[in-house]
Protein backbone atom coordinates (compact mmCIF):
# COMPACT_ATOMS: atom_id res chain seq x y z
CA MET A 1 204.80 -21.43 -155.67
CA THR A 2 205.86 -23.11 -152.43
CA LYS A 3 206.74 -21.47 -149.13
CA PHE A 4 207.70 -22.99 -145.81
CA GLY A 5 206.72 -21.38 -142.53
CA GLN A 6 206.12 -21.94 -138.86
CA VAL A 7 202.74 -21.76 -137.17
CA LEU A 8 202.80 -18.79 -134.80
CA ALA A 9 199.21 -19.07 -133.54
CA TYR A 10 196.18 -21.28 -134.06
CA ASN A 11 192.54 -20.42 -133.36
CA GLU A 12 190.73 -23.66 -132.52
CA ASN A 13 187.30 -22.05 -132.95
CA THR A 14 187.88 -20.96 -136.55
CA GLY A 15 190.59 -23.43 -137.60
CA ILE A 16 192.75 -20.51 -138.79
CA ALA A 17 196.52 -20.70 -138.37
CA THR A 18 198.80 -17.67 -138.45
CA ILE A 19 201.93 -18.77 -140.29
CA GLY A 20 205.19 -16.87 -140.11
CA TYR A 21 207.73 -17.35 -142.84
CA ASN A 22 211.22 -17.95 -141.56
CA ARG A 23 213.70 -19.75 -143.75
CA PRO A 24 214.65 -23.18 -142.32
CA ASP A 25 218.39 -23.85 -142.19
CA ALA A 26 218.01 -26.42 -144.99
CA CYS A 27 216.64 -23.72 -147.32
CA GLU A 28 219.75 -21.55 -147.11
CA LYS A 29 220.86 -22.07 -150.73
CA CYS A 30 217.99 -24.04 -152.25
CA GLY A 31 215.94 -21.33 -153.99
CA ALA A 32 213.05 -23.71 -154.80
CA CYS A 33 210.54 -21.24 -153.40
CA GLY A 34 211.80 -18.31 -155.45
CA ALA A 35 214.58 -17.20 -153.08
CA GLN A 36 212.58 -14.12 -152.21
CA SER A 37 212.01 -12.62 -148.79
CA HIS A 38 211.11 -15.29 -146.28
CA GLN A 39 209.68 -12.94 -143.66
CA GLY A 40 205.98 -12.27 -143.24
CA THR A 41 202.75 -13.87 -142.10
CA ILE A 42 199.63 -15.33 -143.63
CA GLU A 43 196.42 -16.70 -142.13
CA LEU A 44 195.13 -19.96 -143.57
CA LYS A 45 192.75 -22.73 -142.61
CA ALA A 46 194.78 -25.69 -141.37
CA ASP A 47 194.74 -28.41 -138.73
CA CYS A 48 197.98 -27.76 -136.87
CA LYS A 49 199.37 -26.30 -133.66
CA PRO A 50 201.74 -23.45 -132.77
CA GLY A 51 205.34 -24.46 -133.39
CA ASP A 52 204.56 -26.77 -136.32
CA TRP A 53 206.34 -26.13 -139.60
CA VAL A 54 204.11 -26.12 -142.68
CA ARG A 55 204.43 -26.22 -146.44
CA VAL A 56 202.14 -23.65 -148.10
CA GLU A 57 201.45 -23.80 -151.83
CA LEU A 58 199.69 -21.52 -154.26
CA PRO A 59 198.13 -23.62 -157.04
CA GLN A 60 200.37 -24.10 -160.07
CA GLY A 61 200.66 -21.11 -162.39
CA ARG A 62 198.50 -18.78 -160.30
CA PHE A 63 201.44 -16.87 -158.85
CA LEU A 64 202.54 -15.63 -162.28
CA GLN A 65 198.98 -14.80 -163.28
CA ALA A 66 198.41 -12.82 -160.09
CA THR A 67 201.71 -10.97 -160.54
CA ALA A 68 200.90 -10.12 -164.14
CA LEU A 69 197.49 -8.80 -163.18
CA ALA A 70 198.86 -6.74 -160.30
CA TYR A 71 201.61 -5.07 -162.35
CA VAL A 72 200.69 -5.21 -166.03
CA LEU A 73 197.06 -4.09 -165.81
CA PRO A 74 197.74 -0.80 -163.94
CA LEU A 75 200.71 -0.03 -166.20
CA ALA A 76 198.63 -0.68 -169.31
CA GLY A 77 195.82 1.49 -167.92
CA LEU A 78 198.19 4.34 -167.16
CA LEU A 79 199.95 4.22 -170.54
CA GLY A 80 196.71 3.76 -172.47
CA GLY A 81 195.11 6.65 -170.61
CA LEU A 82 198.13 8.86 -171.25
CA LEU A 83 198.03 8.05 -174.97
CA LEU A 84 194.30 8.68 -175.27
CA GLY A 85 194.59 11.91 -173.28
CA PHE A 86 197.48 13.05 -175.44
CA LEU A 87 195.67 12.28 -178.70
CA GLY A 88 192.32 13.62 -177.51
CA GLY A 89 193.79 16.79 -176.03
CA GLY A 90 195.98 17.67 -178.98
CA GLY A 91 199.18 17.06 -177.02
CA ALA A 92 198.32 19.40 -174.14
CA ASP A 93 199.62 18.44 -170.71
CA GLY A 94 196.32 18.72 -168.82
CA PRO A 95 194.29 16.25 -170.88
CA THR A 96 197.30 13.89 -171.06
CA LEU A 97 197.62 13.78 -167.27
CA LEU A 98 193.87 13.51 -166.82
CA GLY A 99 193.76 10.61 -169.28
CA GLY A 100 196.61 8.87 -167.46
CA GLY A 101 194.85 9.29 -164.11
CA LEU A 102 191.57 8.00 -165.51
CA GLY A 103 193.27 5.03 -167.18
CA LEU A 104 195.05 4.13 -163.96
CA GLY A 105 191.85 4.54 -161.94
CA ILE A 106 189.87 2.32 -164.30
CA SER A 107 192.57 -0.39 -164.20
CA LEU A 108 192.59 -0.30 -160.38
CA LEU A 109 188.81 -0.63 -160.35
CA LEU A 110 189.11 -3.65 -162.65
CA LEU A 111 191.69 -5.19 -160.30
CA TRP A 112 189.37 -4.64 -157.33
CA LEU A 113 186.42 -6.22 -159.17
CA ASN A 114 188.59 -9.19 -160.19
CA GLU A 115 189.73 -9.62 -156.57
CA LYS A 116 186.10 -9.80 -155.45
CA ARG A 117 185.38 -12.34 -158.21
CA ILE A 118 188.21 -14.75 -157.33
CA GLN A 119 188.31 -14.26 -153.56
CA GLY A 120 187.95 -17.58 -151.77
CA ARG A 121 188.04 -19.71 -154.92
CA PRO A 122 190.22 -22.79 -154.28
CA GLU A 123 192.25 -22.38 -157.46
CA TRP A 124 193.42 -18.94 -156.24
CA THR A 125 193.83 -19.69 -152.53
CA PRO A 126 197.11 -20.71 -150.89
CA ARG A 127 196.76 -23.85 -148.81
CA VAL A 128 198.74 -25.87 -146.29
CA THR A 129 199.81 -29.06 -148.05
CA ARG A 130 202.04 -30.60 -145.39
CA ILE A 131 202.63 -30.24 -141.66
CA TYR A 132 205.97 -31.00 -140.00
CA PRO A 133 205.90 -31.34 -136.19
CA GLU A 134 209.62 -30.42 -136.09
CA LYS A 135 211.87 -28.23 -138.18
CA PRO A 136 212.09 -30.01 -141.56
CA SER A 137 215.33 -31.47 -142.85
CA LEU A 138 216.65 -31.00 -146.38
CA GLU A 139 215.10 -34.32 -147.49
CA ASP A 140 211.69 -33.21 -146.19
CA LEU A 141 211.72 -30.05 -148.31
CA GLN A 142 211.70 -31.70 -151.73
CA CYS A 143 209.06 -30.09 -153.94
CA ASP A 144 206.87 -32.46 -155.97
CA GLY A 145 209.35 -35.30 -155.34
CA LYS A 146 212.04 -33.65 -157.44
CA PRO A 147 215.49 -32.87 -156.05
CA THR A 148 215.98 -29.22 -155.19
CA ALA A 149 218.68 -27.11 -156.82
CA PHE A 150 220.73 -27.40 -153.63
CA GLN A 151 220.76 -31.20 -153.86
CA ARG A 152 222.01 -31.47 -157.44
């Protein structure tokens, strides 16, 4: 996944840049970055200065894996817990709800443990891959050298 943003602040002591996502004019109809909300901030290690535009990438395929973990695991925990509570409690509401709550709680604990396991690993960390001193043009925004949907 690729996002473009502008450096809002840079801490020279830590090398951490605060990047705000604002859609460049050239991105208006492209959609190469998923055409999702382009507002927000992230802090990443980079060698840049306030006002620079940057290209931020999450390593290939990790965005879908992270999304699946964040949504599918809690849903599976909730539904599995509801089913086990229903079967174990003979269909009574109390055990069914308790099972659902426990299943959801266990899945959230697993997500938290997984977050601690992958935190800071390069294959899961977004990184600045390109710095533009000025607002990038449409030609500058090509992803992986391929024409964007807007250019076809």
